[in-house]
Amino acid sequence: MLTPTLIAVIGPVEPALFTTWIGHYRRLGVERFLLAFHFPEHVPNVLRNELQAVSRQAGITPSGTSGGPWHEHTNTRIRDSLRRQAGQGWHLFADADEFQQYPAPLRDVVAQAERTRRAVVGGLLLDRVAANDHLTAFGQDTGLDLDTTYPLGGHLTHRLLHGDPRKIVLARADIPLDSGSHRAPGHQPDPDRLCAVHHFKWRAGVLDDLRRRVHHLSTGLWREQSPAVREEAGRFLAHAERYQGRVNVSDPRLAFRRVSLERMPHSWPAEARTVHTTWQPPAPSSGRPGGGQ
């Protein structure tokens, strides 16, 4: 059995993070990467070139590079085009800040899904942050790995931002996914076999990214399908403003504790199942950016 084809749309992340991301999925057993780059207008050429160089050095030829607005449908459109190129079999979906952790080898996870006649495998976001609650940069010049730089994992996405923490991490080629790969309409993953999706979004530069997102979506420069993405960004910006640009890691609601990419939290199966089966989207708001927390 072949391992799944990894499908990803890569935006403007640090080259060191992208390098680490490729290495992580190769260690999981991924043999085929189908990647496409998309760079909004503000991304400098030097960063674009560095990321493309990382891909070439890793032996991965990107399927394409595009630029311009990052409309809410942009990622979905590119992702689905990559899926058509990938063809039959199983597809793995991971953003460049998402590092998946499975309870068994990847081939075994796919084999188990096929034995139980499930067309998808689910995951749940585990948000990673620095121990000192700062939005810390990640770079090869520090000599520190991801676990050392961001040792804490918790539930920031759904408990603070009211975002959907559920992810479809693996799906058969014929199974359509929604925007963001949060759901596969008509198909449910096994809630007792959810992978941990370590989410390294909360790094230096994220505040500027979120302010830009709120502005561009609010003004129509980037088109949105609903106000949810904009409102989630606004909630994090409001939280960061309240705590002087930091994440309040001591808030018990967020359940931050030390975790590692080397081993799943011992409580993960029950914890993930509870969140996955009980999460509900927030009630519709007035559409005002930055509502909520």
C-alpha atoms as a PDB file:
ATOM      1  CA  MET A   1       0.000   0.000   0.000  1.00  0.00           C
ATOM      2  CA  LEU A   2       1.378   3.413  -0.960  1.00  0.00           C
ATOM      3  CA  THR A   3       1.413   6.205   1.589  1.00  0.00           C
ATOM      4  CA  PRO A   4      -0.988   9.096   0.939  1.00  0.00           C
ATOM      5  CA  THR A   5      -0.067  11.977  -1.340  1.00  0.00           C
ATOM      6  CA  LEU A   6       0.418  15.140   0.699  1.00  0.00           C
ATOM      7  CA  ILE A   7      -1.627  18.056  -0.665  1.00  0.00           C
ATOM      8  CA  ALA A   8      -0.728  21.567   0.515  1.00  0.00           C
ATOM      9  CA  VAL A   9      -0.974  25.213  -0.459  1.00  0.00           C
ATOM     10  CA  ILE A  10       2.086  27.015   0.910  1.00  0.00           C
ATOM     11  CA  GLY A  11       1.960  30.687   1.773  1.00  0.00           C
ATOM     12  CA  PRO A  12       4.535  33.089   3.230  1.00  0.00           C
ATOM     13  CA  VAL A  13       5.985  31.135   6.168  1.00  0.00           C
ATOM     14  CA  GLU A  14       9.545  31.157   7.496  1.00  0.00           C
ATOM     15  CA  PRO A  15      11.881  29.024   5.350  1.00  0.00           C
ATOM     16  CA  ALA A  16      13.044  27.267   8.532  1.00  0.00           C
ATOM     17  CA  LEU A  17       9.465  26.253   9.343  1.00  0.00           C
ATOM     18  CA  PHE A  18       8.877  25.009   5.799  1.00  0.00           C
ATOM     19  CA  THR A  19      12.102  22.971   5.925  1.00  0.00           C
ATOM     20  CA  THR A  20      11.073  21.423   9.245  1.00  0.00           C
ATOM     21  CA  TRP A  21       7.574  20.729   7.915  1.00  0.00           C
ATOM     22  CA  ILE A  22       8.893  18.768   4.931  1.00  0.00           C
ATOM     23  CA  GLY A  23      11.177  16.751   7.213  1.00  0.00           C
ATOM     24  CA  HIS A  24       8.333  15.988   9.600  1.00  0.00           C
ATOM     25  CA  TYR A  25       6.086  14.514   6.921  1.00  0.00           C
ATOM     26  CA  ARG A  26       8.931  12.557   5.374  1.00  0.00           C
ATOM     27  CA  ARG A  27       9.552  10.989   8.773  1.00  0.00           C
ATOM     28  CA  LEU A  28       5.863  10.038   8.870  1.00  0.00           C
ATOM     29  CA  GLY A  29       6.452   8.146   5.627  1.00  0.00           C
ATOM     30  CA  VAL A  30       5.081  10.567   3.018  1.00  0.00           C
ATOM     31  CA  GLU A  31       6.756   9.867  -0.321  1.00  0.00           C
ATOM     32  CA  ARG A  32       4.857  12.170  -2.674  1.00  0.00           C
ATOM     33  CA  PHE A  33       4.315  15.896  -2.099  1.00  0.00           C
ATOM     34  CA  LEU A  34       1.994  17.912  -4.336  1.00  0.00           C
ATOM     35  CA  LEU A  35       2.536  21.540  -3.341  1.00  0.00           C
ATOM     36  CA  ALA A  36       1.573  24.893  -4.788  1.00  0.00           C
ATOM     37  CA  PHE A  37       2.707  28.320  -3.609  1.00  0.00           C
ATOM     38  CA  HIS A  38       0.413  31.313  -3.293  1.00  0.00           C
ATOM     39  CA  PHE A  39       1.831  34.698  -2.313  1.00  0.00           C
ATOM     40  CA  PRO A  40      -0.281  37.806  -1.622  1.00  0.00           C
ATOM     41  CA  GLU A  41       0.975  41.159  -2.870  1.00  0.00           C
ATOM     42  CA  HIS A  42       2.779  42.170   0.343  1.00  0.00           C
ATOM     43  CA  VAL A  43       5.177  39.185   0.291  1.00  0.00           C
ATOM     44  CA  PRO A  44       8.713  40.280  -0.711  1.00  0.00           C
ATOM     45  CA  ASN A  45      10.422  38.548  -3.610  1.00  0.00           C
ATOM     46  CA  VAL A  46      13.303  37.428  -1.407  1.00  0.00           C
ATOM     47  CA  LEU A  47      10.942  35.319   0.738  1.00  0.00           C
ATOM     48  CA  ARG A  48       9.237  33.858  -2.318  1.00  0.00           C
ATOM     49  CA  ASN A  49      12.624  32.841  -3.718  1.00  0.00           C
ATOM     50  CA  GLU A  50      13.789  31.363  -0.410  1.00  0.00           C
ATOM     51  CA  LEU A  51      10.701  29.181  -0.069  1.00  0.00           C
ATOM     52  CA  GLN A  52      10.956  27.961  -3.644  1.00  0.00           C
ATOM     53  CA  ALA A  53      14.628  27.163  -3.008  1.00  0.00           C
ATOM     54  CA  VAL A  54      13.698  25.091   0.055  1.00  0.00           C
ATOM     55  CA  SER A  55      11.304  23.075  -2.095  1.00  0.00           C
ATOM     56  CA  ARG A  56      13.904  22.495  -4.810  1.00  0.00           C
ATOM     57  CA  GLN A  57      16.562  21.495  -2.284  1.00  0.00           C
ATOM     58  CA  ALA A  58      14.136  18.957  -0.817  1.00  0.00           C
ATOM     59  CA  GLY A  59      13.608  17.449  -4.273  1.00  0.00           C
ATOM     60  CA  ILE A  60      10.012  18.708  -4.537  1.00  0.00           C
ATOM     61  CA  THR A  61       8.930  20.389  -7.764  1.00  0.00           C
ATOM     62  CA  PRO A  62       5.943  22.650  -6.976  1.00  0.00           C
ATOM     63  CA  SER A  63       2.897  22.230  -9.167  1.00  0.00           C
ATOM     64  CA  GLY A  64       2.517  25.967  -9.497  1.00  0.00           C
ATOM     65  CA  THR A  65       3.078  29.410  -8.033  1.00  0.00           C
ATOM     66  CA  SER A  66       0.420  32.120  -7.982  1.00  0.00           C
ATOM     67  CA  GLY A  67       0.059  35.560  -6.497  1.00  0.00           C
ATOM     68  CA  GLY A  68      -2.575  38.116  -5.640  1.00  0.00           C
ATOM     69  CA  PRO A  69      -5.406  38.359  -3.128  1.00  0.00           C
ATOM     70  CA  TRP A  70      -5.930  35.486  -0.721  1.00  0.00           C
ATOM     71  CA  HIS A  71      -9.706  35.247  -1.041  1.00  0.00           C
ATOM     72  CA  GLU A  72     -11.362  32.739   1.244  1.00  0.00           C
ATOM     73  CA  HIS A  73     -11.956  30.442  -1.726  1.00  0.00           C
ATOM     74  CA  THR A  74      -8.345  30.680  -2.974  1.00  0.00           C
ATOM     75  CA  ASN A  75      -6.952  27.871  -0.837  1.00  0.00           C
ATOM     76  CA  THR A  76      -9.885  25.582  -1.664  1.00  0.00           C
ATOM     77  CA  ARG A  77      -9.562  26.203  -5.391  1.00  0.00           C
ATOM     78  CA  ILE A  78      -5.826  25.422  -5.421  1.00  0.00           C
ATOM     79  CA  ARG A  79      -6.216  22.454  -3.073  1.00  0.00           C
ATOM     80  CA  ASP A  80      -8.850  20.852  -5.273  1.00  0.00           C
ATOM     81  CA  SER A  81      -6.737  21.396  -8.376  1.00  0.00           C
ATOM     82  CA  LEU A  82      -3.858  19.595  -6.654  1.00  0.00           C
ATOM     83  CA  ARG A  83      -6.218  16.767  -5.702  1.00  0.00           C
ATOM     84  CA  ARG A  84      -7.157  16.288  -9.342  1.00  0.00           C
ATOM     85  CA  GLN A  85      -3.464  16.064 -10.204  1.00  0.00           C
ATOM     86  CA  ALA A  86      -2.863  13.592  -7.377  1.00  0.00           C
ATOM     87  CA  GLY A  87      -5.318  11.079  -8.765  1.00  0.00           C
ATOM     88  CA  GLN A  88      -6.556   7.971  -6.987  1.00  0.00           C
ATOM     89  CA  GLY A  89      -5.658   6.719  -3.542  1.00  0.00           C
ATOM     90  CA  TRP A  90      -5.580   8.608  -0.258  1.00  0.00           C
ATOM     91  CA  HIS A  91      -4.742  12.286   0.166  1.00  0.00           C
ATOM     92  CA  LEU A  92      -3.200  13.919   3.235  1.00  0.00           C
ATOM     93  CA  PHE A  93      -3.981  17.596   3.949  1.00  0.00           C
ATOM     94  CA  ALA A  94      -1.722  19.835   6.019  1.00  0.00           C
ATOM     95  CA  ASP A  95      -1.144  23.575   6.119  1.00  0.00           C
ATOM     96  CA  ALA A  96       2.462  24.693   6.497  1.00  0.00           C
ATOM     97  CA  ASP A  97       1.942  25.400  10.209  1.00  0.00           C
ATOM     98  CA  GLU A  98       0.234  22.049  10.904  1.00  0.00           C
ATOM     99  CA  PHE A  99       2.299  19.075  12.074  1.00  0.00           C
ATOM    100  CA  GLN A 100       0.175  15.937  12.355  1.00  0.00           C
ATOM    101  CA  GLN A 101       0.787  13.278  14.985  1.00  0.00           C
ATOM    102  CA  TYR A 102      -0.824   9.856  14.587  1.00  0.00           C
ATOM    103  CA  PRO A 103      -1.460   7.102  17.138  1.00  0.00           C
ATOM    104  CA  ALA A 104       0.026   4.535  14.707  1.00  0.00           C
ATOM    105  CA  PRO A 105       2.242   4.507  11.579  1.00  0.00           C
ATOM    106  CA  LEU A 106       0.622   6.309   8.659  1.00  0.00           C
ATOM    107  CA  ARG A 107       0.223   3.165   6.550  1.00  0.00           C
ATOM    108  CA  ASP A 108      -1.521   1.457   9.469  1.00  0.00           C
ATOM    109  CA  VAL A 109      -3.853   4.432   9.932  1.00  0.00           C
ATOM    110  CA  VAL A 110      -4.947   4.209   6.286  1.00  0.00           C
ATOM    111  CA  ALA A 111      -5.290   0.421   6.473  1.00  0.00           C
ATOM    112  CA  GLN A 112      -7.461   0.722   9.579  1.00  0.00           C
ATOM    113  CA  ALA A 113      -9.729   3.248   7.854  1.00  0.00           C
ATOM    114  CA  GLU A 114     -10.149   0.940   4.885  1.00  0.00           C
ATOM    115  CA  ARG A 115     -10.881  -2.085   7.082  1.00  0.00           C
ATOM    116  CA  THR A 116     -13.619  -0.155   8.869  1.00  0.00           C
ATOM    117  CA  ARG A 117     -14.930   1.298   5.591  1.00  0.00           C
ATOM    118  CA  ARG A 118     -14.255   4.891   6.558  1.00  0.00           C
ATOM    119  CA  ALA A 119     -13.433   7.253   3.713  1.00  0.00           C
ATOM    120  CA  VAL A 120     -11.825   9.913   5.938  1.00  0.00           C
ATOM    121  CA  VAL A 121      -9.577  10.210   8.995  1.00  0.00           C
ATOM    122  CA  GLY A 122     -10.035  13.119  11.375  1.00  0.00           C
ATOM    123  CA  GLY A 123      -7.791  15.251  13.510  1.00  0.00           C
ATOM    124  CA  LEU A 124      -8.095  18.005  16.084  1.00  0.00           C
ATOM    125  CA  LEU A 125      -6.041  21.182  16.374  1.00  0.00           C
ATOM    126  CA  LEU A 126      -3.646  21.384  19.326  1.00  0.00           C
ATOM    127  CA  ASP A 127      -2.426  24.987  19.415  1.00  0.00           C
ATOM    128  CA  ARG A 128       1.274  25.377  20.265  1.00  0.00           C
ATOM    129  CA  VAL A 129       2.749  28.435  21.980  1.00  0.00           C
ATOM    130  CA  ALA A 130       5.954  29.535  23.694  1.00  0.00           C
ATOM    131  CA  ALA A 131       6.296  28.912  27.429  1.00  0.00           C
ATOM    132  CA  ASN A 132       6.811  32.624  28.161  1.00  0.00           C
ATOM    133  CA  ASP A 133       3.525  33.435  26.356  1.00  0.00           C
ATOM    134  CA  HIS A 134       5.282  35.619  23.753  1.00  0.00           C
ATOM    135  CA  LEU A 135       4.619  35.280  20.026  1.00  0.00           C
ATOM    136  CA  THR A 136       8.075  33.896  19.368  1.00  0.00           C
ATOM    137  CA  ALA A 137       9.903  33.664  16.049  1.00  0.00           C
ATOM    138  CA  PHE A 138      11.081  30.324  14.678  1.00  0.00           C
ATOM    139  CA  GLY A 139      14.339  30.161  12.795  1.00  0.00           C
ATOM    140  CA  GLN A 140      17.292  27.891  12.160  1.00  0.00           C
ATOM    141  CA  ASP A 141      19.652  30.543  13.547  1.00  0.00           C
ATOM    142  CA  THR A 142      18.338  29.902  17.077  1.00  0.00           C
ATOM    143  CA  GLY A 143      19.329  26.237  17.043  1.00  0.00           C
ATOM    144  CA  LEU A 144      16.051  25.350  18.762  1.00  0.00           C
ATOM    145  CA  ASP A 145      13.487  22.873  17.464  1.00  0.00           C
ATOM    146  CA  LEU A 146       9.716  23.350  17.474  1.00  0.00           C
ATOM    147  CA  ASP A 147       9.136  21.490  20.735  1.00  0.00           C
ATOM    148  CA  THR A 148      11.712  23.629  22.522  1.00  0.00           C
ATOM    149  CA  THR A 149      10.506  26.899  21.014  1.00  0.00           C
ATOM    150  CA  TYR A 150       6.785  26.186  21.518  1.00  0.00           C
ATOM    151  CA  PRO A 151       6.527  23.600  24.314  1.00  0.00           C
ATOM    152  CA  LEU A 152       2.927  24.286  25.357  1.00  0.00           C
ATOM    153  CA  GLY A 153      -0.157  22.867  23.664  1.00  0.00           C
ATOM    154  CA  GLY A 154      -3.761  23.824  24.331  1.00  0.00           C
ATOM    155  CA  HIS A 155      -7.189  24.579  22.929  1.00  0.00           C
ATOM    156  CA  LEU A 156      -6.959  28.199  21.820  1.00  0.00           C
ATOM    157  CA  THR A 157      -8.740  27.880  18.465  1.00  0.00           C
ATOM    158  CA  HIS A 158     -12.155  26.809  19.672  1.00  0.00           C
ATOM    159  CA  ARG A 159     -12.177  27.995  23.279  1.00  0.00           C
ATOM    160  CA  LEU A 160     -10.919  31.523  22.621  1.00  0.00           C
ATOM    161  CA  LEU A 161     -11.520  32.149  18.926  1.00  0.00           C
ATOM    162  CA  HIS A 162     -14.672  29.989  18.575  1.00  0.00           C
ATOM    163  CA  GLY A 163     -13.132  28.490  15.461  1.00  0.00           C
ATOM    164  CA  ASP A 164     -13.659  24.951  14.197  1.00  0.00           C
ATOM    165  CA  PRO A 165     -10.794  22.813  15.600  1.00  0.00           C
ATOM    166  CA  ARG A 166     -11.796  19.708  13.622  1.00  0.00           C
ATOM    167  CA  LYS A 167      -9.758  18.754  10.580  1.00  0.00           C
ATOM    168  CA  ILE A 168     -10.014  16.096   7.910  1.00  0.00           C
ATOM    169  CA  VAL A 169      -6.396  14.983   7.714  1.00  0.00           C
ATOM    170  CA  LEU A 170      -6.805  12.053   5.326  1.00  0.00           C
ATOM    171  CA  ALA A 171      -9.439  11.352   2.695  1.00  0.00           C
ATOM    172  CA  ARG A 172      -9.932   9.097  -0.280  1.00  0.00           C
ATOM    173  CA  ALA A 173      -9.474  10.848  -3.589  1.00  0.00           C
ATOM    174  CA  ASP A 174     -13.184  10.779  -4.388  1.00  0.00           C
ATOM    175  CA  ILE A 175     -14.317  12.483  -1.159  1.00  0.00           C
ATOM    176  CA  PRO A 176     -14.958  16.264  -1.429  1.00  0.00           C
ATOM    177  CA  LEU A 177     -13.909  18.517   1.453  1.00  0.00           C
ATOM    178  CA  ASP A 178     -15.219  21.869   2.596  1.00  0.00           C
ATOM    179  CA  SER A 179     -13.200  25.074   2.849  1.00  0.00           C
ATOM    180  CA  GLY A 180     -10.349  24.661   5.305  1.00  0.00           C
ATOM    181  CA  SER A 181     -10.657  20.845   5.208  1.00  0.00           C
ATOM    182  CA  HIS A 182     -12.707  20.897   8.418  1.00  0.00           C
ATOM    183  CA  ARG A 183     -15.445  18.581   7.151  1.00  0.00           C
ATOM    184  CA  ALA A 184     -16.219  16.024   4.466  1.00  0.00           C
ATOM    185  CA  PRO A 185     -19.990  16.360   3.990  1.00  0.00           C
ATOM    186  CA  GLY A 186     -21.661  12.987   4.370  1.00  0.00           C
ATOM    187  CA  HIS A 187     -18.624  11.333   5.963  1.00  0.00           C
ATOM    188  CA  GLN A 188     -17.644  11.146   9.620  1.00  0.00           C
ATOM    189  CA  PRO A 189     -14.180  10.249  10.896  1.00  0.00           C
ATOM    190  CA  ASP A 190     -13.766   7.747  13.712  1.00  0.00           C
ATOM    191  CA  PRO A 191     -13.936   9.914  16.874  1.00  0.00           C
ATOM    192  CA  ASP A 192     -11.816   7.382  18.782  1.00  0.00           C
ATOM    193  CA  ARG A 193      -8.890   7.587  16.333  1.00  0.00           C
ATOM    194  CA  LEU A 194      -8.243  11.312  15.926  1.00  0.00           C
ATOM    195  CA  CYS A 195      -4.774  12.544  15.165  1.00  0.00           C
ATOM    196  CA  ALA A 196      -3.299  15.530  16.982  1.00  0.00           C
ATOM    197  CA  VAL A 197      -2.731  18.438  14.590  1.00  0.00           C
ATOM    198  CA  HIS A 198      -0.014  20.490  16.293  1.00  0.00           C
ATOM    199  CA  HIS A 199      -0.818  24.030  15.185  1.00  0.00           C
ATOM    200  CA  PHE A 200       2.201  26.357  15.146  1.00  0.00           C
ATOM    201  CA  LYS A 201       0.344  29.446  13.983  1.00  0.00           C
ATOM    202  CA  TRP A 202       1.026  31.591  17.038  1.00  0.00           C
ATOM    203  CA  ARG A 203       4.477  32.881  16.091  1.00  0.00           C
ATOM    204  CA  ALA A 204       6.095  36.265  15.596  1.00  0.00           C
ATOM    205  CA  GLY A 205       4.356  38.133  12.777  1.00  0.00           C
ATOM    206  CA  VAL A 206       0.920  36.608  13.327  1.00  0.00           C
ATOM    207  CA  LEU A 207      -0.538  39.890  14.627  1.00  0.00           C
ATOM    208  CA  ASP A 208       0.401  41.716  11.429  1.00  0.00           C
ATOM    209  CA  ASP A 209      -1.028  38.834   9.384  1.00  0.00           C
ATOM    210  CA  LEU A 210      -4.317  38.918  11.280  1.00  0.00           C
ATOM    211  CA  ARG A 211      -4.633  42.721  11.116  1.00  0.00           C
ATOM    212  CA  ARG A 212      -4.103  42.518   7.352  1.00  0.00           C
ATOM    213  CA  ARG A 213      -6.688  39.745   7.099  1.00  0.00           C
ATOM    214  CA  VAL A 214      -9.299  41.722   9.030  1.00  0.00           C
ATOM    215  CA  HIS A 215      -8.666  44.858   6.965  1.00  0.00           C
ATOM    216  CA  HIS A 216      -8.662  43.129   3.589  1.00  0.00           C
ATOM    217  CA  LEU A 217     -11.753  41.037   4.332  1.00  0.00           C
ATOM    218  CA  SER A 218     -13.616  43.982   5.843  1.00  0.00           C
ATOM    219  CA  THR A 219     -12.955  46.220   2.855  1.00  0.00           C
ATOM    220  CA  GLY A 220     -13.554  43.549   0.225  1.00  0.00           C
ATOM    221  CA  LEU A 221      -9.954  43.479  -1.033  1.00  0.00           C
ATOM    222  CA  TRP A 222     -10.109  39.803  -0.136  1.00  0.00           C
ATOM    223  CA  ARG A 223     -13.478  38.119  -0.624  1.00  0.00           C
ATOM    224  CA  GLU A 224     -14.970  36.097   2.198  1.00  0.00           C
ATOM    225  CA  GLN A 225     -17.630  33.396   2.208  1.00  0.00           C
ATOM    226  CA  SER A 226     -18.785  34.224   5.750  1.00  0.00           C
ATOM    227  CA  PRO A 227     -17.584  36.593   8.498  1.00  0.00           C
ATOM    228  CA  ALA A 228     -16.271  33.668  10.580  1.00  0.00           C
ATOM    229  CA  VAL A 229     -12.601  33.899   9.571  1.00  0.00           C
ATOM    230  CA  ARG A 230     -12.533  37.656  10.079  1.00  0.00           C
ATOM    231  CA  GLU A 231     -14.232  37.404  13.458  1.00  0.00           C
ATOM    232  CA  GLU A 232     -11.853  34.703  14.682  1.00  0.00           C
ATOM    233  CA  ALA A 233      -8.913  36.932  13.752  1.00  0.00           C
ATOM    234  CA  GLY A 234     -10.537  39.837  15.544  1.00  0.00           C
ATOM    235  CA  ARG A 235     -10.960  37.784  18.708  1.00  0.00           C
ATOM    236  CA  PHE A 236      -7.283  36.904  18.804  1.00  0.00           C
ATOM    237  CA  LEU A 237      -6.267  40.511  18.166  1.00  0.00           C
ATOM    238  CA  ALA A 238      -8.496  41.643  21.037  1.00  0.00           C
ATOM    239  CA  HIS A 239      -6.962  38.996  23.319  1.00  0.00           C
ATOM    240  CA  ALA A 240      -3.421  39.998  22.366  1.00  0.00           C
ATOM    241  CA  GLU A 241      -4.201  43.665  22.970  1.00  0.00           C
ATOM    242  CA  ARG A 242      -5.568  42.822  26.419  1.00  0.00           C
ATOM    243  CA  TYR A 243      -2.386  40.895  27.322  1.00  0.00           C
ATOM    244  CA  GLN A 244       0.221  43.243  25.792  1.00  0.00           C
ATOM    245  CA  GLY A 245       0.774  41.188  22.645  1.00  0.00           C
ATOM    246  CA  ARG A 246       0.936  37.830  24.424  1.00  0.00           C
ATOM    247  CA  VAL A 247      -1.170  34.691  24.850  1.00  0.00           C
ATOM    248  CA  ASN A 248      -2.592  34.177  28.319  1.00  0.00           C
ATOM    249  CA  VAL A 249      -1.263  30.647  28.789  1.00  0.00           C
ATOM    250  CA  SER A 250      -2.393  30.577  32.423  1.00  0.00           C
ATOM    251  CA  ASP A 251      -6.087  30.739  31.482  1.00  0.00           C
ATOM    252  CA  PRO A 252      -7.416  27.321  32.597  1.00  0.00           C
ATOM    253  CA  ARG A 253     -10.023  27.325  29.815  1.00  0.00           C
ATOM    254  CA  LEU A 254      -7.261  26.999  27.226  1.00  0.00           C
ATOM    255  CA  ALA A 255      -5.733  23.944  28.949  1.00  0.00           C
ATOM    256  CA  PHE A 256      -2.121  24.690  28.001  1.00  0.00           C
ATOM    257  CA  ARG A 257       0.415  22.084  29.151  1.00  0.00           C
ATOM    258  CA  ARG A 258       3.717  20.690  27.938  1.00  0.00           C
ATOM    259  CA  VAL A 259       3.379  18.470  24.895  1.00  0.00           C
ATOM    260  CA  SER A 260       5.713  17.050  22.253  1.00  0.00           C
ATOM    261  CA  LEU A 261       5.762  15.972  18.626  1.00  0.00           C
ATOM    262  CA  GLU A 262       7.530  12.818  19.810  1.00  0.00           C
ATOM    263  CA  ARG A 263       4.604  11.387  21.764  1.00  0.00           C
ATOM    264  CA  MET A 264       0.885  12.068  21.937  1.00  0.00           C
ATOM    265  CA  PRO A 265      -0.544  13.400  25.213  1.00  0.00           C
ATOM    266  CA  HIS A 266      -1.681  10.416  27.276  1.00  0.00           C
ATOM    267  CA  SER A 267      -5.140  11.932  27.618  1.00  0.00           C
ATOM    268  CA  TRP A 268      -5.490  12.676  23.904  1.00  0.00           C
ATOM    269  CA  PRO A 269      -8.002  10.009  22.732  1.00  0.00           C
ATOM    270  CA  ALA A 270     -10.663  10.946  25.287  1.00  0.00           C
ATOM    271  CA  GLU A 271      -9.883  14.663  25.158  1.00  0.00           C
ATOM    272  CA  ALA A 272     -10.024  14.842  21.378  1.00  0.00           C
ATOM    273  CA  ARG A 273     -13.183  12.750  21.186  1.00  0.00           C
ATOM    274  CA  THR A 274     -14.995  15.037  23.611  1.00  0.00           C
ATOM    275  CA  VAL A 275     -14.082  18.192  21.714  1.00  0.00           C
ATOM    276  CA  HIS A 276     -14.737  16.662  18.291  1.00  0.00           C
ATOM    277  CA  THR A 277     -18.194  15.348  19.149  1.00  0.00           C
ATOM    278  CA  THR A 278     -19.442  18.370  21.138  1.00  0.00           C
ATOM    279  CA  TRP A 279     -18.054  21.373  19.228  1.00  0.00           C
ATOM    280  CA  GLN A 280     -20.688  23.675  17.777  1.00  0.00           C
ATOM    281  CA  PRO A 281     -20.192  26.842  15.718  1.00  0.00           C
ATOM    282  CA  PRO A 282     -20.914  30.091  17.567  1.00  0.00           C
ATOM    283  CA  ALA A 283     -24.255  31.787  17.142  1.00  0.00           C
ATOM    284  CA  PRO A 284     -24.391  34.211  14.195  1.00  0.00           C
ATOM    285  CA  SER A 285     -23.047  37.637  15.100  1.00  0.00           C
ATOM    286  CA  SER A 286     -23.801  41.076  13.804  1.00  0.00           C
ATOM    287  CA  GLY A 287     -20.855  40.697  11.420  1.00  0.00           C
ATOM    288  CA  ARG A 288     -18.817  43.339  13.259  1.00  0.00           C
ATOM    289  CA  PRO A 289     -15.095  42.522  12.977  1.00  0.00           C
ATOM    290  CA  GLY A 290     -13.430  41.606  16.214  1.00  0.00           C
ATOM    291  CA  GLY A 291     -16.525  40.533  18.089  1.00  0.00           C
ATOM    292  CA  GLY A 292     -16.479  38.065  20.953  1.00  0.00           C
ATOM    293  CA  GLN A 293     -13.501  37.602  23.256  1.00  0.00           C
END
